[in-house]
C-alpha cells in the first residue's frame, strides 16, 4: 500500500522565513467574463517578459517568484495585457514574502531591478475597483501596521472604504497596483512574513466605476 503524501512543517517557526534570500511570490488568476476567455488569458501570459522572474502556470493560476520589483512588474503587465474594453474581468492575487514553509528554490534574484514590462503597458489605463487584505504574520501590534497601510491609500486618493474582512480601493489600474507594490515594500521592511490578498475588478456590470 502506497504511503499517503503527508506534509511535514516541523522546522517552521513564526518569524523565521523558510527562504533566506528574500524571495517574493505572487500567485494570480485572471478571469475575463466572456466566451473567448481562454484566448485572452493565454495571450496576456504570452506577452509578459519573464526574463527577470521564475514563472509557472498551471490549471488553476500563475505564479511569479523573484525580486519584489520584478514580480510586480510581470503581474501588472499580465493584467494590463488581458484588459479588453467592455469585458468584465477579475484579477485575483496572493502576494507573499517570508513564509516559514518557503524554500530557497524556484526564483530569479540575480537580475537588476529594471522593470522590463513597464514600457509595453504604460499607455494602457482603465478604472478598477479592488478589495484587499493585509496579514502581517507573527506581529503582535499588527493592527498598527495595517493602519499605516490604509492611511497611505487615503493619502493617495484611492481609498474607497472598508467592509467586513477587507478594505476597498478605487482608481486607475496603475495607481492601485503601484499602491499594492508599495504596501509589499513597506511592510517587508518591518515584518519577516506577510501575505496580501487582493481582488481587482474592471468593467463592472453594475457600472460602479
N, C-alpha and C. Protein backbone atom coordinates (compact mmCIF):
# COMPACT_ATOMS: atom_id res chain seq x y z
N UNK A 1 0.85 -1.20 0.00
CA UNK A 1 0.00 0.00 0.00
C UNK A 1 0.88 1.24 0.00
N UNK A 2 0.65 2.15 -0.92
CA UNK A 2 1.48 3.35 -1.04
C UNK A 2 1.27 4.29 0.15
N UNK A 3 2.35 4.94 0.56
CA UNK A 3 2.27 5.89 1.66
C UNK A 3 1.47 7.12 1.22
N UNK A 4 0.72 7.66 2.15
CA UNK A 4 -0.03 8.88 1.85
C UNK A 4 0.92 10.06 1.83
N UNK A 5 0.71 11.03 0.93
CA UNK A 5 1.66 12.15 0.77
C UNK A 5 1.47 13.25 1.81
N UNK A 6 1.64 12.89 3.10
CA UNK A 6 1.52 13.90 4.15
C UNK A 6 2.66 14.92 4.05
N UNK A 7 2.37 16.16 4.46
CA UNK A 7 3.42 17.19 4.51
C UNK A 7 3.98 17.26 5.92
N UNK A 8 5.15 17.87 6.04
CA UNK A 8 5.81 17.98 7.34
C UNK A 8 6.43 19.36 7.45
N UNK A 9 5.91 20.20 8.36
CA UNK A 9 6.42 21.56 8.54
C UNK A 9 7.07 21.73 9.91
N UNK A 10 7.69 20.68 10.45
CA UNK A 10 8.21 20.73 11.82
C UNK A 10 9.30 21.78 12.01
N UNK A 11 10.03 22.10 10.95
CA UNK A 11 11.13 23.06 11.09
C UNK A 11 10.67 24.51 10.99
N UNK A 12 9.37 24.72 10.70
CA UNK A 12 8.85 26.07 10.52
C UNK A 12 8.63 26.76 11.86
N UNK A 13 9.04 28.03 11.92
CA UNK A 13 8.84 28.83 13.11
C UNK A 13 8.36 30.22 12.70
N UNK A 14 7.41 30.78 13.44
CA UNK A 14 6.95 32.14 13.16
C UNK A 14 8.11 33.11 13.26
N UNK A 15 8.21 34.00 12.29
CA UNK A 15 9.27 34.99 12.30
C UNK A 15 10.58 34.50 11.72
N UNK A 16 10.63 33.24 11.26
CA UNK A 16 11.85 32.70 10.66
C UNK A 16 11.53 32.28 9.23
N UNK A 17 11.84 33.12 8.25
CA UNK A 17 11.50 32.81 6.86
C UNK A 17 12.15 31.52 6.39
N UNK A 18 11.38 30.72 5.66
CA UNK A 18 11.94 29.49 5.12
C UNK A 18 12.96 29.77 4.02
N UNK A 19 12.72 30.84 3.26
CA UNK A 19 13.67 31.27 2.24
C UNK A 19 14.53 32.39 2.83
N UNK A 20 15.82 32.22 2.79
CA UNK A 20 16.73 33.23 3.36
C UNK A 20 17.16 34.27 2.34
N UNK A 21 16.66 34.15 1.09
CA UNK A 21 17.12 35.03 0.02
C UNK A 21 16.13 36.15 -0.31
N UNK A 22 15.08 36.28 0.50
CA UNK A 22 14.15 37.39 0.29
C UNK A 22 13.27 37.23 -0.93
N UNK A 23 12.89 36.02 -1.24
CA UNK A 23 12.05 35.77 -2.41
C UNK A 23 10.63 36.30 -2.17
N UNK A 24 10.11 37.04 -3.15
CA UNK A 24 8.72 37.48 -3.13
C UNK A 24 7.96 36.66 -4.18
N UNK A 25 6.78 36.22 -3.81
CA UNK A 25 5.99 35.43 -4.75
C UNK A 25 4.61 36.04 -4.94
N UNK A 26 4.11 36.00 -6.16
CA UNK A 26 2.74 36.41 -6.47
C UNK A 26 2.08 35.29 -7.26
N UNK A 27 1.00 34.75 -6.71
CA UNK A 27 0.19 33.78 -7.44
C UNK A 27 -1.11 34.48 -7.82
N UNK A 28 -1.49 34.40 -9.08
CA UNK A 28 -2.67 35.13 -9.53
C UNK A 28 -3.50 34.32 -10.51
N UNK A 29 -4.76 34.72 -10.62
CA UNK A 29 -5.68 34.14 -11.59
C UNK A 29 -6.38 35.27 -12.33
N UNK A 30 -6.50 35.12 -13.63
CA UNK A 30 -7.25 36.05 -14.47
C UNK A 30 -8.60 35.42 -14.81
N UNK A 31 -9.66 36.20 -14.72
CA UNK A 31 -10.99 35.67 -15.04
C UNK A 31 -11.77 36.67 -15.89
N UNK A 32 -11.53 36.71 -17.20
CA UNK A 32 -12.35 37.54 -18.08
C UNK A 32 -13.72 36.88 -18.27
N UNK A 33 -14.78 37.66 -18.12
CA UNK A 33 -16.14 37.11 -18.21
C UNK A 33 -16.64 37.23 -19.65
N UNK A 34 -16.14 36.36 -20.52
CA UNK A 34 -16.57 36.37 -21.92
C UNK A 34 -16.29 35.01 -22.53
N UNK A 35 -16.83 34.77 -23.71
CA UNK A 35 -16.70 33.46 -24.34
C UNK A 35 -15.26 33.11 -24.71
N UNK A 36 -14.46 34.11 -25.11
CA UNK A 36 -13.08 33.82 -25.52
C UNK A 36 -12.08 34.05 -24.40
N UNK A 37 -12.49 33.70 -23.17
CA UNK A 37 -11.62 33.93 -22.02
C UNK A 37 -10.30 33.18 -22.12
N UNK A 38 -10.31 32.00 -22.71
CA UNK A 38 -9.07 31.22 -22.82
C UNK A 38 -8.06 31.97 -23.68
N UNK A 39 -8.51 32.49 -24.81
CA UNK A 39 -7.62 33.24 -25.70
C UNK A 39 -7.06 34.47 -25.00
N UNK A 40 -7.91 35.19 -24.28
CA UNK A 40 -7.46 36.39 -23.58
C UNK A 40 -6.40 36.06 -22.54
N UNK A 41 -6.64 35.04 -21.74
CA UNK A 41 -5.70 34.66 -20.68
C UNK A 41 -4.36 34.22 -21.26
N UNK A 42 -4.39 33.31 -22.21
CA UNK A 42 -3.15 32.79 -22.78
C UNK A 42 -2.39 33.86 -23.55
N UNK A 43 -3.12 34.75 -24.22
CA UNK A 43 -2.47 35.84 -24.95
C UNK A 43 -1.76 36.79 -23.99
N UNK A 44 -2.42 37.11 -22.87
CA UNK A 44 -1.82 38.01 -21.88
C UNK A 44 -0.56 37.39 -21.28
N UNK A 45 -0.64 36.13 -20.91
CA UNK A 45 0.51 35.44 -20.31
C UNK A 45 1.68 35.42 -21.28
N UNK A 46 1.39 35.19 -22.56
CA UNK A 46 2.46 35.08 -23.56
C UNK A 46 3.16 36.41 -23.84
N UNK A 47 2.48 37.52 -23.55
CA UNK A 47 3.06 38.84 -23.84
C UNK A 47 3.99 39.35 -22.74
N UNK A 48 4.00 38.70 -21.60
CA UNK A 48 4.81 39.17 -20.47
C UNK A 48 6.26 38.77 -20.65
N UNK A 49 7.16 39.73 -20.46
CA UNK A 49 8.60 39.46 -20.46
C UNK A 49 8.94 38.82 -19.12
N UNK A 50 9.31 37.55 -19.14
CA UNK A 50 9.58 36.79 -17.91
C UNK A 50 11.07 36.63 -17.64
N UNK A 51 11.87 37.46 -18.27
CA UNK A 51 13.32 37.29 -18.17
C UNK A 51 13.87 37.54 -16.77
N UNK A 52 13.10 38.21 -15.91
CA UNK A 52 13.60 38.53 -14.59
C UNK A 52 12.84 37.83 -13.46
N UNK A 53 11.97 36.89 -13.81
CA UNK A 53 11.22 36.15 -12.78
C UNK A 53 11.23 34.66 -13.09
N UNK A 54 11.02 33.87 -12.05
CA UNK A 54 10.72 32.45 -12.23
C UNK A 54 9.21 32.36 -12.37
N UNK A 55 8.73 31.62 -13.37
CA UNK A 55 7.30 31.60 -13.64
C UNK A 55 6.81 30.19 -13.89
N UNK A 56 5.57 29.94 -13.45
CA UNK A 56 4.92 28.67 -13.75
C UNK A 56 3.42 28.89 -13.80
N UNK A 57 2.79 28.40 -14.85
CA UNK A 57 1.34 28.44 -15.00
C UNK A 57 0.80 27.03 -14.95
N UNK A 58 -0.22 26.81 -14.12
CA UNK A 58 -0.85 25.51 -14.07
C UNK A 58 -2.34 25.68 -14.38
N UNK A 59 -3.13 24.67 -14.14
CA UNK A 59 -4.54 24.70 -14.49
C UNK A 59 -5.34 25.68 -13.64
N UNK A 60 -4.80 26.10 -12.51
CA UNK A 60 -5.54 26.98 -11.60
C UNK A 60 -5.09 28.42 -11.62
N UNK A 61 -3.78 28.66 -11.88
CA UNK A 61 -3.25 30.01 -11.71
C UNK A 61 -1.82 30.08 -12.23
N UNK A 62 -1.25 31.27 -12.10
CA UNK A 62 0.15 31.52 -12.49
C UNK A 62 0.90 32.06 -11.28
N UNK A 63 2.16 31.66 -11.14
CA UNK A 63 2.98 32.18 -10.05
C UNK A 63 4.26 32.75 -10.61
N UNK A 64 4.64 33.93 -10.10
CA UNK A 64 5.92 34.55 -10.40
C UNK A 64 6.70 34.66 -9.09
N UNK A 65 7.99 34.32 -9.13
CA UNK A 65 8.84 34.42 -7.94
C UNK A 65 10.16 35.09 -8.29
N UNK A 66 10.64 35.94 -7.38
CA UNK A 66 11.90 36.61 -7.61
C UNK A 66 11.99 37.88 -6.79
N UNK A 67 12.64 38.90 -7.35
CA UNK A 67 12.72 40.20 -6.69
C UNK A 67 11.33 40.85 -6.66
N UNK A 68 11.09 41.60 -5.62
CA UNK A 68 9.79 42.25 -5.46
C UNK A 68 9.42 43.08 -6.68
N UNK A 69 10.32 43.93 -7.14
CA UNK A 69 10.00 44.81 -8.26
C UNK A 69 9.71 44.01 -9.53
N UNK A 70 10.41 42.91 -9.71
CA UNK A 70 10.25 42.11 -10.92
C UNK A 70 8.92 41.37 -10.94
N UNK A 71 8.52 40.78 -9.82
CA UNK A 71 7.27 40.03 -9.81
C UNK A 71 6.06 40.96 -9.92
N UNK A 72 6.16 42.15 -9.35
CA UNK A 72 5.07 43.11 -9.53
C UNK A 72 5.03 43.62 -10.96
N UNK A 73 6.18 43.86 -11.54
CA UNK A 73 6.25 44.30 -12.94
C UNK A 73 5.59 43.28 -13.86
N UNK A 74 5.89 42.01 -13.68
CA UNK A 74 5.34 40.97 -14.54
C UNK A 74 3.84 40.78 -14.31
N UNK A 75 3.42 40.79 -13.04
CA UNK A 75 2.00 40.60 -12.73
C UNK A 75 1.15 41.75 -13.27
N UNK A 76 1.65 42.96 -13.05
CA UNK A 76 0.96 44.14 -13.54
C UNK A 76 0.82 44.10 -15.06
N UNK A 77 1.87 43.65 -15.74
CA UNK A 77 1.84 43.56 -17.20
C UNK A 77 0.80 42.55 -17.66
N UNK A 78 0.73 41.41 -16.99
CA UNK A 78 -0.22 40.38 -17.41
C UNK A 78 -1.66 40.89 -17.30
N UNK A 79 -1.97 41.56 -16.22
CA UNK A 79 -3.31 42.11 -16.03
C UNK A 79 -3.65 43.12 -17.11
N UNK A 80 -2.72 44.02 -17.40
CA UNK A 80 -2.98 45.06 -18.40
C UNK A 80 -3.06 44.48 -19.82
N UNK A 81 -2.27 43.46 -20.10
CA UNK A 81 -2.36 42.83 -21.42
C UNK A 81 -3.69 42.10 -21.61
N UNK A 82 -4.30 41.68 -20.51
CA UNK A 82 -5.57 40.95 -20.59
C UNK A 82 -6.77 41.88 -20.70
N UNK A 83 -6.56 43.16 -20.47
CA UNK A 83 -7.70 44.10 -20.48
C UNK A 83 -8.32 44.19 -21.87
N UNK A 84 -9.65 44.13 -21.88
CA UNK A 84 -10.42 44.37 -23.10
C UNK A 84 -11.55 45.33 -22.74
N UNK A 85 -11.77 46.30 -23.58
CA UNK A 85 -12.84 47.26 -23.34
C UNK A 85 -14.19 46.53 -23.27
N UNK A 86 -14.94 46.85 -22.24
CA UNK A 86 -16.30 46.30 -22.04
C UNK A 86 -16.32 44.84 -21.59
N UNK A 87 -15.17 44.23 -21.33
CA UNK A 87 -15.15 42.86 -20.81
C UNK A 87 -14.90 42.92 -19.30
N UNK A 88 -15.87 42.46 -18.55
CA UNK A 88 -15.73 42.39 -17.10
C UNK A 88 -14.66 41.35 -16.77
N UNK A 89 -13.71 41.71 -15.92
CA UNK A 89 -12.61 40.80 -15.59
C UNK A 89 -12.23 40.92 -14.13
N UNK A 90 -11.83 39.78 -13.57
CA UNK A 90 -11.33 39.73 -12.20
C UNK A 90 -9.88 39.28 -12.22
N UNK A 91 -9.07 39.95 -11.42
CA UNK A 91 -7.65 39.63 -11.28
C UNK A 91 -7.42 39.37 -9.81
N UNK A 92 -7.20 38.11 -9.45
CA UNK A 92 -7.07 37.73 -8.05
C UNK A 92 -5.62 37.40 -7.74
N UNK A 93 -5.08 38.01 -6.67
CA UNK A 93 -3.67 37.88 -6.35
C UNK A 93 -3.45 37.46 -4.90
N UNK A 94 -2.48 36.57 -4.70
CA UNK A 94 -1.93 36.29 -3.37
C UNK A 94 -0.46 36.68 -3.43
N UNK A 95 -0.07 37.63 -2.60
CA UNK A 95 1.30 38.14 -2.56
C UNK A 95 1.91 37.71 -1.23
N UNK A 96 3.10 37.12 -1.27
CA UNK A 96 3.67 36.59 -0.03
C UNK A 96 5.18 36.75 -0.01
N UNK A 97 5.69 36.99 1.18
CA UNK A 97 7.14 37.02 1.40
C UNK A 97 7.43 36.52 2.81
N UNK A 98 8.44 35.68 2.92
CA UNK A 98 8.92 35.27 4.24
C UNK A 98 8.21 34.11 4.89
N UNK A 99 7.42 33.36 4.15
CA UNK A 99 6.71 32.23 4.74
C UNK A 99 7.70 31.23 5.33
N UNK A 100 7.46 30.77 6.56
CA UNK A 100 8.37 29.77 7.16
C UNK A 100 8.44 28.48 6.35
N UNK A 101 7.40 28.18 5.58
CA UNK A 101 7.39 26.97 4.77
C UNK A 101 8.00 27.15 3.39
N UNK A 102 8.46 28.36 3.07
CA UNK A 102 9.08 28.62 1.77
C UNK A 102 10.47 28.01 1.73
N UNK A 103 11.02 27.89 0.54
CA UNK A 103 12.35 27.31 0.37
C UNK A 103 13.16 28.18 -0.59
N UNK A 104 14.47 28.04 -0.53
CA UNK A 104 15.35 28.76 -1.44
C UNK A 104 15.43 28.02 -2.78
N UNK A 105 14.33 28.05 -3.50
CA UNK A 105 14.25 27.39 -4.80
C UNK A 105 13.23 28.11 -5.66
N UNK A 106 13.31 27.87 -6.95
CA UNK A 106 12.33 28.45 -7.88
C UNK A 106 12.27 29.97 -7.76
N UNK A 107 13.34 30.62 -8.07
CA UNK A 107 13.38 32.08 -8.01
C UNK A 107 14.39 32.61 -9.02
N UNK A 108 14.29 33.90 -9.28
CA UNK A 108 15.26 34.60 -10.12
C UNK A 108 15.61 35.88 -9.40
N UNK A 109 16.78 35.92 -8.78
CA UNK A 109 17.17 37.09 -7.99
C UNK A 109 18.45 37.75 -8.50
N UNK A 110 19.06 37.15 -9.51
CA UNK A 110 20.37 37.62 -9.93
C UNK A 110 20.31 38.81 -10.88
N UNK A 111 19.10 39.28 -11.18
CA UNK A 111 18.95 40.35 -12.17
C UNK A 111 18.78 41.71 -11.51
N UNK A 112 18.86 42.77 -12.32
CA UNK A 112 18.67 44.13 -11.84
C UNK A 112 17.20 44.38 -11.55
N UNK A 113 16.90 45.54 -10.97
CA UNK A 113 15.53 45.89 -10.64
C UNK A 113 14.80 46.58 -11.80
N UNK A 114 15.40 46.60 -12.97
CA UNK A 114 14.76 47.23 -14.12
C UNK A 114 13.41 46.57 -14.41
N UNK A 115 12.38 47.40 -14.62
CA UNK A 115 11.04 46.89 -14.91
C UNK A 115 10.90 46.72 -16.43
N UNK A 116 11.13 45.51 -16.87
CA UNK A 116 11.23 45.26 -18.31
C UNK A 116 9.87 45.29 -19.02
N UNK A 117 8.78 45.25 -18.27
CA UNK A 117 7.45 45.27 -18.89
C UNK A 117 6.78 46.63 -18.85
N UNK A 118 7.37 47.57 -18.16
CA UNK A 118 6.70 48.86 -17.92
C UNK A 118 6.36 49.60 -19.20
N UNK A 119 7.29 49.65 -20.15
CA UNK A 119 7.07 50.43 -21.37
C UNK A 119 5.91 49.86 -22.20
N UNK A 120 5.74 48.56 -22.18
CA UNK A 120 4.72 47.92 -23.01
C UNK A 120 3.30 48.22 -22.54
N UNK A 121 3.15 48.59 -21.27
CA UNK A 121 1.78 48.81 -20.74
C UNK A 121 1.55 50.23 -20.25
N UNK A 122 2.52 51.11 -20.43
CA UNK A 122 2.40 52.44 -19.86
C UNK A 122 1.22 53.24 -20.43
N UNK A 123 0.78 52.90 -21.62
CA UNK A 123 -0.34 53.63 -22.25
C UNK A 123 -1.69 52.97 -21.98
N UNK A 124 -1.69 51.84 -21.29
CA UNK A 124 -2.95 51.13 -21.01
C UNK A 124 -3.44 51.53 -19.63
N UNK A 125 -4.52 52.27 -19.58
CA UNK A 125 -5.09 52.72 -18.31
C UNK A 125 -6.59 52.46 -18.31
N UNK A 126 -7.13 52.06 -17.18
CA UNK A 126 -8.57 51.85 -17.04
C UNK A 126 -8.92 51.86 -15.56
N UNK A 127 -10.15 52.23 -15.23
CA UNK A 127 -10.55 52.30 -13.82
C UNK A 127 -10.82 50.91 -13.24
N UNK A 128 -10.47 50.73 -11.97
CA UNK A 128 -10.67 49.44 -11.30
C UNK A 128 -11.24 49.65 -9.90
N UNK A 129 -11.84 48.60 -9.41
CA UNK A 129 -12.26 48.52 -8.02
C UNK A 129 -11.53 47.32 -7.43
N UNK A 130 -11.00 47.49 -6.23
CA UNK A 130 -10.17 46.44 -5.63
C UNK A 130 -10.56 46.24 -4.17
N UNK A 131 -10.59 44.99 -3.75
CA UNK A 131 -10.66 44.69 -2.31
C UNK A 131 -9.36 44.00 -1.93
N UNK A 132 -8.81 44.39 -0.79
CA UNK A 132 -7.55 43.77 -0.38
C UNK A 132 -7.49 43.64 1.13
N UNK A 133 -6.70 42.69 1.57
CA UNK A 133 -6.48 42.47 2.99
C UNK A 133 -5.00 42.16 3.20
N UNK A 134 -4.43 42.77 4.23
CA UNK A 134 -3.03 42.57 4.59
C UNK A 134 -2.96 41.73 5.85
N UNK A 135 -2.08 40.73 5.84
CA UNK A 135 -1.88 39.87 7.01
C UNK A 135 -0.40 39.90 7.41
N UNK A 136 -0.05 40.75 8.38
CA UNK A 136 1.33 40.75 8.91
C UNK A 136 1.47 39.59 9.89
N UNK A 137 2.17 38.55 9.51
CA UNK A 137 2.23 37.33 10.30
C UNK A 137 3.28 37.43 11.42
N UNK A 138 2.93 36.90 12.58
CA UNK A 138 3.86 36.86 13.70
C UNK A 138 4.15 38.21 14.31
N UNK A 139 3.25 39.18 14.10
CA UNK A 139 3.45 40.54 14.59
C UNK A 139 2.40 40.85 15.65
N UNK A 140 2.85 41.22 16.85
CA UNK A 140 1.92 41.48 17.95
C UNK A 140 1.05 42.70 17.67
N UNK A 141 1.67 43.79 17.25
CA UNK A 141 0.95 45.04 17.03
C UNK A 141 0.56 45.17 15.55
N UNK A 142 -0.07 44.13 15.02
CA UNK A 142 -0.33 44.09 13.59
C UNK A 142 -1.35 45.12 13.11
N UNK A 143 -2.28 45.51 13.98
CA UNK A 143 -3.28 46.50 13.55
C UNK A 143 -2.65 47.86 13.28
N UNK A 144 -1.58 48.17 13.99
CA UNK A 144 -0.87 49.42 13.74
C UNK A 144 -0.24 49.41 12.35
N UNK A 145 0.27 48.25 11.95
CA UNK A 145 0.86 48.11 10.61
C UNK A 145 -0.22 48.31 9.54
N UNK A 146 -1.36 47.67 9.74
CA UNK A 146 -2.48 47.79 8.78
C UNK A 146 -2.98 49.23 8.73
N UNK A 147 -3.04 49.87 9.86
CA UNK A 147 -3.49 51.27 9.93
C UNK A 147 -2.63 52.18 9.05
N UNK A 148 -1.31 52.02 9.14
CA UNK A 148 -0.40 52.84 8.34
C UNK A 148 -0.60 52.59 6.85
N UNK A 149 -0.84 51.33 6.50
CA UNK A 149 -1.03 50.97 5.09
C UNK A 149 -2.32 51.58 4.54
N UNK A 150 -3.39 51.48 5.30
CA UNK A 150 -4.68 52.02 4.85
C UNK A 150 -4.62 53.54 4.74
N UNK A 151 -3.95 54.19 5.69
CA UNK A 151 -3.85 55.66 5.65
C UNK A 151 -3.05 56.14 4.44
N UNK A 152 -2.11 55.32 3.97
CA UNK A 152 -1.38 55.68 2.77
C UNK A 152 -2.32 55.68 1.56
N UNK A 153 -3.26 54.74 1.53
CA UNK A 153 -4.25 54.72 0.45
C UNK A 153 -5.13 55.96 0.50
N UNK A 154 -5.47 56.39 1.71
CA UNK A 154 -6.24 57.62 1.87
C UNK A 154 -5.46 58.80 1.29
N UNK A 155 -4.18 58.89 1.64
CA UNK A 155 -3.34 59.99 1.15
C UNK A 155 -3.21 59.96 -0.37
N UNK A 156 -3.24 58.79 -0.96
CA UNK A 156 -3.10 58.68 -2.41
C UNK A 156 -4.41 58.90 -3.15
N UNK A 157 -5.49 59.03 -2.41
CA UNK A 157 -6.78 59.29 -3.02
C UNK A 157 -7.44 58.09 -3.65
N UNK A 158 -7.05 56.88 -3.26
CA UNK A 158 -7.64 55.68 -3.85
C UNK A 158 -8.40 54.85 -2.82
N UNK A 159 -8.46 55.29 -1.57
CA UNK A 159 -9.19 54.55 -0.55
C UNK A 159 -10.69 54.68 -0.81
N UNK A 160 -11.41 53.56 -0.71
CA UNK A 160 -12.84 53.54 -1.04
C UNK A 160 -13.66 52.90 0.08
N UNK A 161 -13.14 52.96 1.30
CA UNK A 161 -13.90 52.47 2.44
C UNK A 161 -13.48 51.08 2.89
N UNK A 162 -14.12 50.61 3.94
CA UNK A 162 -13.82 49.29 4.49
C UNK A 162 -15.10 48.47 4.60
N UNK A 163 -14.94 47.18 4.69
CA UNK A 163 -16.04 46.26 4.91
C UNK A 163 -15.57 45.15 5.83
N UNK A 164 -16.42 44.21 6.10
CA UNK A 164 -16.00 43.08 6.92
C UNK A 164 -14.85 42.34 6.24
N UNK A 165 -13.72 42.25 6.93
CA UNK A 165 -12.55 41.48 6.50
C UNK A 165 -11.81 42.07 5.30
N UNK A 166 -12.09 43.32 4.94
CA UNK A 166 -11.43 43.86 3.75
C UNK A 166 -11.40 45.38 3.75
N UNK A 167 -10.54 45.94 2.90
CA UNK A 167 -10.54 47.37 2.59
C UNK A 167 -10.70 47.49 1.08
N UNK A 168 -11.29 48.61 0.65
CA UNK A 168 -11.57 48.81 -0.77
C UNK A 168 -10.72 49.94 -1.35
N UNK A 169 -10.31 49.75 -2.59
CA UNK A 169 -9.56 50.75 -3.34
C UNK A 169 -10.30 51.01 -4.64
N UNK A 170 -10.19 52.23 -5.13
CA UNK A 170 -10.86 52.59 -6.38
C UNK A 170 -10.01 53.64 -7.09
N UNK A 171 -9.73 53.40 -8.37
CA UNK A 171 -8.93 54.37 -9.11
C UNK A 171 -8.35 53.78 -10.37
N UNK A 172 -7.33 54.43 -10.90
CA UNK A 172 -6.65 53.98 -12.10
C UNK A 172 -5.93 52.66 -11.84
N UNK A 173 -5.90 51.81 -12.86
CA UNK A 173 -5.29 50.49 -12.72
C UNK A 173 -3.83 50.57 -12.27
N UNK A 174 -3.07 51.49 -12.81
CA UNK A 174 -1.67 51.64 -12.42
C UNK A 174 -1.56 52.14 -10.98
N UNK A 175 -2.41 53.08 -10.61
CA UNK A 175 -2.35 53.63 -9.26
C UNK A 175 -2.62 52.58 -8.21
N UNK A 176 -3.58 51.71 -8.45
CA UNK A 176 -3.93 50.66 -7.48
C UNK A 176 -2.82 49.63 -7.37
N UNK A 177 -2.29 49.17 -8.49
CA UNK A 177 -1.23 48.17 -8.44
C UNK A 177 0.08 48.74 -7.92
N UNK A 178 0.36 50.00 -8.22
CA UNK A 178 1.55 50.65 -7.66
C UNK A 178 1.43 50.76 -6.14
N UNK A 179 0.23 51.03 -5.67
CA UNK A 179 0.00 51.09 -4.23
C UNK A 179 0.21 49.73 -3.57
N UNK A 180 -0.30 48.67 -4.17
CA UNK A 180 -0.10 47.33 -3.60
C UNK A 180 1.38 46.97 -3.56
N UNK A 181 2.14 47.40 -4.57
CA UNK A 181 3.58 47.17 -4.54
C UNK A 181 4.21 47.96 -3.40
N UNK A 182 3.75 49.19 -3.19
CA UNK A 182 4.25 49.99 -2.08
C UNK A 182 3.96 49.30 -0.75
N UNK A 183 2.77 48.73 -0.61
CA UNK A 183 2.41 48.02 0.62
C UNK A 183 3.39 46.88 0.87
N UNK A 184 3.64 46.08 -0.15
CA UNK A 184 4.56 44.96 0.00
C UNK A 184 5.94 45.43 0.41
N UNK A 185 6.42 46.49 -0.22
CA UNK A 185 7.74 47.01 0.09
C UNK A 185 7.81 47.57 1.49
N UNK A 186 6.80 48.35 1.86
CA UNK A 186 6.79 49.00 3.18
C UNK A 186 6.68 47.98 4.30
N UNK A 187 5.76 47.04 4.17
CA UNK A 187 5.57 46.03 5.21
C UNK A 187 6.78 45.10 5.28
N UNK A 188 7.34 44.77 4.12
CA UNK A 188 8.50 43.89 4.09
C UNK A 188 9.73 44.46 4.78
N UNK A 189 9.79 45.77 4.93
CA UNK A 189 10.91 46.39 5.64
C UNK A 189 10.83 46.14 7.15
N UNK A 190 9.62 45.90 7.66
CA UNK A 190 9.42 45.75 9.10
C UNK A 190 9.14 44.33 9.55
N UNK A 191 8.51 43.54 8.68
CA UNK A 191 7.97 42.25 9.09
C UNK A 191 8.54 41.15 8.23
N UNK A 192 8.94 40.05 8.85
CA UNK A 192 9.60 38.97 8.12
C UNK A 192 8.64 38.19 7.24
N UNK A 193 7.36 38.12 7.63
CA UNK A 193 6.39 37.33 6.85
C UNK A 193 5.08 38.09 6.75
N UNK A 194 4.67 38.33 5.51
CA UNK A 194 3.37 38.97 5.29
C UNK A 194 2.66 38.27 4.14
N UNK A 195 1.35 38.44 4.10
CA UNK A 195 0.52 37.97 2.99
C UNK A 195 -0.43 39.10 2.63
N UNK A 196 -0.61 39.34 1.35
CA UNK A 196 -1.61 40.29 0.85
C UNK A 196 -2.54 39.54 -0.08
N UNK A 197 -3.82 39.63 0.18
CA UNK A 197 -4.83 39.07 -0.72
C UNK A 197 -5.55 40.23 -1.40
N UNK A 198 -5.59 40.20 -2.71
CA UNK A 198 -6.23 41.30 -3.45
C UNK A 198 -7.04 40.76 -4.62
N UNK A 199 -8.21 41.34 -4.82
CA UNK A 199 -9.04 41.04 -5.98
C UNK A 199 -9.35 42.36 -6.68
N UNK A 200 -8.97 42.47 -7.95
CA UNK A 200 -9.15 43.69 -8.71
C UNK A 200 -10.16 43.44 -9.83
N UNK A 201 -11.14 44.32 -9.95
CA UNK A 201 -12.20 44.18 -10.93
C UNK A 201 -12.22 45.36 -11.89
N UNK A 202 -12.47 45.08 -13.17
CA UNK A 202 -12.64 46.16 -14.14
C UNK A 202 -13.92 45.89 -14.95
N UNK A 203 -14.48 46.95 -15.51
CA UNK A 203 -15.70 46.86 -16.31
C UNK A 203 -16.82 46.15 -15.55
N UNK A 204 -17.07 46.64 -14.35
CA UNK A 204 -18.13 46.03 -13.55
C UNK A 204 -19.49 46.19 -14.21
N UNK A 205 -20.29 45.16 -14.25
CA UNK A 205 -21.62 45.27 -14.86
C UNK A 205 -22.52 46.24 -14.13
N UNK A 206 -22.27 46.43 -12.85
CA UNK A 206 -23.08 47.38 -12.06
C UNK A 206 -22.74 48.83 -12.36
N UNK A 207 -21.69 49.03 -13.18
CA UNK A 207 -21.22 50.37 -13.52
C UNK A 207 -20.90 51.18 -12.27
N UNK A 208 -20.28 50.50 -11.32
CA UNK A 208 -19.92 51.18 -10.08
C UNK A 208 -18.72 52.11 -10.28
N UNK A 209 -17.93 51.86 -11.30
CA UNK A 209 -16.73 52.66 -11.51
C UNK A 209 -17.07 53.83 -12.44
